[in-house]
């Protein structure tokens, strides 16, 4: 644990916030380039009308990287927090992580292996967050995004197609 409890999580959260601010700026730049077309398509055989949205170009890869970095900082803050609260209980943390589960039962198994060193009061607080599928879906999604970005592949953001190369767009008109 740091000499100052919760200093590490605060730093990670602050860094995650800087990433989200940077992401907002980059998204605004991307949107300023008018990256989408809203089109009215008419089926000549049926006369059916539909409005479609088409991407005119790829979403910059940096947006995925910045988003992944923000998620990672927020997720890491929870692990550091878990270590801090165990240490504050007078225990030297060993292999302590904030637990997540695929279900309430799976979460309980993770609680035992990852936060078994924590006091009963701390474990009750962590249980209250319900970090499992069917519980706190937002918290669980953050964990899943972090694991995917960290261990599998950089998150991918994409468009539904490219208007300039889409033959269905030529018959439509811009709304």
Protein backbone atom coordinates (compact mmCIF):
# COMPACT_ATOMS: atom_id res chain seq x y z
CA UNK A 1 0.00 0.00 0.00
CA UNK A 2 1.13 3.55 -0.62
CA UNK A 3 2.03 5.69 2.37
CA UNK A 4 -1.20 7.58 1.70
CA UNK A 5 -4.21 5.25 1.48
CA UNK A 6 -6.25 5.54 -1.72
CA UNK A 7 -3.66 7.76 -3.41
CA UNK A 8 -3.09 5.18 -6.17
CA UNK A 9 -6.79 4.77 -7.03
CA UNK A 10 -7.23 8.54 -7.08
CA UNK A 11 -4.32 8.89 -9.51
CA UNK A 12 -5.74 6.17 -11.78
CA UNK A 13 -9.18 7.78 -11.75
CA UNK A 14 -7.67 11.17 -12.54
CA UNK A 15 -5.75 9.65 -15.44
CA UNK A 16 -8.88 7.88 -16.69
CA UNK A 17 -10.70 11.21 -16.62
CA UNK A 18 -7.93 12.83 -18.66
CA UNK A 19 -8.31 10.04 -21.20
CA UNK A 20 -12.08 10.60 -21.38
CA UNK A 21 -11.51 14.33 -21.87
CA UNK A 22 -9.05 13.58 -24.66
CA UNK A 23 -11.55 11.13 -26.15
CA UNK A 24 -14.28 13.80 -26.14
CA UNK A 25 -11.97 16.21 -27.98
CA UNK A 26 -11.02 13.60 -30.58
CA UNK A 27 -14.65 12.57 -31.12
CA UNK A 28 -15.59 16.23 -31.62
CA UNK A 29 -12.83 16.57 -34.25
CA UNK A 30 -14.07 13.43 -35.99
CA UNK A 31 -17.68 14.60 -35.99
CA UNK A 32 -16.66 18.01 -37.29
CA UNK A 33 -15.57 16.24 -40.48
CA UNK A 34 -19.20 15.24 -41.15
CA UNK A 35 -18.48 11.49 -41.11
CA UNK A 36 -22.05 10.28 -41.62
CA UNK A 37 -24.68 10.58 -44.31
CA UNK A 38 -28.41 10.27 -43.57
CA UNK A 39 -30.14 9.00 -46.67
CA UNK A 40 -33.69 8.39 -47.81
CA UNK A 41 -33.88 5.20 -49.84
CA UNK A 42 -36.85 4.24 -51.98
CA UNK A 43 -37.43 0.67 -53.11
CA UNK A 44 -38.49 1.10 -56.74
CA UNK A 45 -40.43 -2.17 -56.74
CA UNK A 46 -42.46 -1.70 -53.55
CA UNK A 47 -42.34 2.08 -53.12
CA UNK A 48 -41.17 1.50 -49.52
CA UNK A 49 -39.19 4.37 -47.99
CA UNK A 50 -36.54 4.01 -45.34
CA UNK A 51 -33.99 6.28 -43.75
CA UNK A 52 -30.49 4.89 -43.43
CA UNK A 53 -27.31 6.14 -41.86
CA UNK A 54 -24.04 5.40 -43.62
CA UNK A 55 -20.49 6.06 -42.56
CA UNK A 56 -18.39 7.98 -45.06
CA UNK A 57 -15.09 6.79 -43.66
CA UNK A 58 -13.38 4.83 -40.97
CA UNK A 59 -13.42 5.87 -37.35
CA UNK A 60 -9.86 6.83 -36.37
CA UNK A 61 -8.04 4.01 -34.58
CA UNK A 62 -6.83 6.40 -31.90
CA UNK A 63 -10.37 6.59 -30.52
CA UNK A 64 -10.25 2.89 -29.66
CA UNK A 65 -6.85 3.25 -28.01
CA UNK A 66 -7.88 6.25 -25.91
CA UNK A 67 -11.13 4.55 -24.86
CA UNK A 68 -9.26 1.37 -23.89
CA UNK A 69 -6.74 3.36 -21.87
CA UNK A 70 -9.52 5.13 -19.97
CA UNK A 71 -11.29 1.86 -19.20
CA UNK A 72 -8.03 0.28 -18.05
CA UNK A 73 -7.28 3.14 -15.66
CA UNK A 74 -10.75 2.97 -14.09
CA UNK A 75 -10.56 -0.84 -13.77
CA UNK A 76 -7.05 -0.71 -12.29
CA UNK A 77 -8.21 1.81 -9.69
CA UNK A 78 -10.47 -0.93 -8.29
CA UNK A 79 -7.59 -3.40 -7.95
CA UNK A 80 -5.39 -0.86 -6.19
CA UNK A 81 -8.34 0.10 -3.96
CA UNK A 82 -8.82 -3.57 -3.03
CA UNK A 83 -5.17 -3.80 -1.99
CA UNK A 84 -5.43 -0.59 0.03
CA UNK A 85 -8.47 -1.69 2.02
CA UNK A 86 -6.90 -5.07 2.81
CA UNK A 87 -3.70 -3.34 3.97
CA UNK A 88 -5.70 -0.90 6.10
CA UNK A 89 -7.14 -3.96 7.87
CA UNK A 90 -3.63 -4.82 9.03
CA UNK A 91 -3.00 -7.59 6.49
CA UNK A 92 -0.15 -7.67 3.97
CA UNK A 93 -2.08 -8.05 0.66
CA UNK A 94 -1.12 -11.07 -1.43
CA UNK A 95 -2.69 -11.56 -4.85
CA UNK A 96 -5.55 -9.19 -4.01
CA UNK A 97 -7.76 -7.97 -6.85
CA UNK A 98 -11.22 -6.48 -7.09
CA UNK A 99 -13.44 -9.52 -7.80
CA UNK A 100 -15.83 -9.94 -10.71
CA UNK A 101 -18.02 -12.91 -11.56
CA UNK A 102 -20.11 -14.32 -14.37
CA UNK A 103 -22.89 -14.92 -11.83
CA UNK A 104 -23.52 -14.34 -8.13
CA UNK A 105 -22.09 -17.80 -7.40
CA UNK A 106 -19.05 -17.19 -9.59
CA UNK A 107 -18.57 -13.85 -7.90
CA UNK A 108 -18.52 -15.51 -4.48
CA UNK A 109 -15.74 -17.83 -5.65
CA UNK A 110 -13.80 -14.82 -6.93
CA UNK A 111 -14.44 -12.96 -3.68
CA UNK A 112 -12.85 -15.80 -1.74
CA UNK A 113 -9.75 -16.07 -3.93
CA UNK A 114 -9.20 -12.38 -4.64
CA UNK A 115 -10.43 -10.65 -1.47
CA UNK A 116 -10.46 -13.41 1.12
CA UNK A 117 -7.91 -11.43 3.13
CA UNK A 118 -10.33 -8.50 3.53
CA UNK A 119 -12.44 -8.06 6.64
CA UNK A 120 -16.08 -9.16 6.62
CA UNK A 121 -17.17 -5.50 6.59
CA UNK A 122 -15.09 -4.75 3.48
CA UNK A 123 -16.33 -7.91 1.77
CA UNK A 124 -19.92 -6.84 2.49
CA UNK A 125 -19.27 -3.48 0.85
CA UNK A 126 -17.76 -5.14 -2.23
CA UNK A 127 -20.73 -7.56 -2.44
CA UNK A 128 -23.01 -4.51 -2.45
CA UNK A 129 -21.49 -3.42 -5.77
CA UNK A 130 -22.76 -6.68 -7.36
CA UNK A 131 -19.91 -6.86 -9.91
CA UNK A 132 -21.31 -9.78 -11.87
CA UNK A 133 -23.59 -10.45 -14.82
CA UNK A 134 -27.16 -9.84 -13.77
CA UNK A 135 -25.94 -7.46 -11.05
CA UNK A 136 -24.17 -4.20 -11.83
CA UNK A 137 -23.96 -4.56 -15.62
CA UNK A 138 -22.03 -1.31 -16.07
CA UNK A 139 -19.31 -2.36 -13.66
CA UNK A 140 -19.17 -5.83 -15.20
CA UNK A 141 -18.99 -4.33 -18.72
CA UNK A 142 -16.02 -2.19 -17.67
CA UNK A 143 -14.23 -5.34 -16.50
CA UNK A 144 -15.05 -7.22 -19.72
CA UNK A 145 -13.91 -4.32 -21.91
CA UNK A 146 -10.66 -4.07 -19.98
CA UNK A 147 -9.95 -7.80 -20.22
CA UNK A 148 -10.71 -7.83 -23.94
CA UNK A 149 -8.61 -4.75 -24.69
CA UNK A 150 -5.73 -5.92 -22.50
CA UNK A 151 -5.53 -9.60 -23.41
CA UNK A 152 -7.36 -10.26 -26.67
CA UNK A 153 -7.39 -7.33 -29.10
CA UNK A 154 -7.61 -3.58 -29.15
CA UNK A 155 -11.25 -2.54 -29.04
CA UNK A 156 -12.66 -1.91 -32.46
CA UNK A 157 -14.94 0.99 -33.28
CA UNK A 158 -16.44 0.91 -36.75
CA UNK A 159 -18.99 2.25 -39.14
CA UNK A 160 -21.94 0.53 -40.77
CA UNK A 161 -20.51 0.98 -44.26
CA UNK A 162 -19.00 3.56 -46.54
CA UNK A 163 -21.49 5.70 -48.41
CA UNK A 164 -19.08 6.43 -51.26
CA UNK A 165 -18.59 2.72 -52.00
CA UNK A 166 -22.09 1.44 -51.20
CA UNK A 167 -24.20 0.72 -54.30
CA UNK A 168 -27.45 1.11 -52.31
CA UNK A 169 -26.60 4.74 -51.59
CA UNK A 170 -26.50 5.87 -55.24
CA UNK A 171 -30.23 5.51 -55.65
CA UNK A 172 -31.00 7.43 -52.49
CA UNK A 173 -30.98 11.10 -51.76
CA UNK A 174 -29.40 12.94 -48.88
CA UNK A 175 -32.01 14.05 -46.37
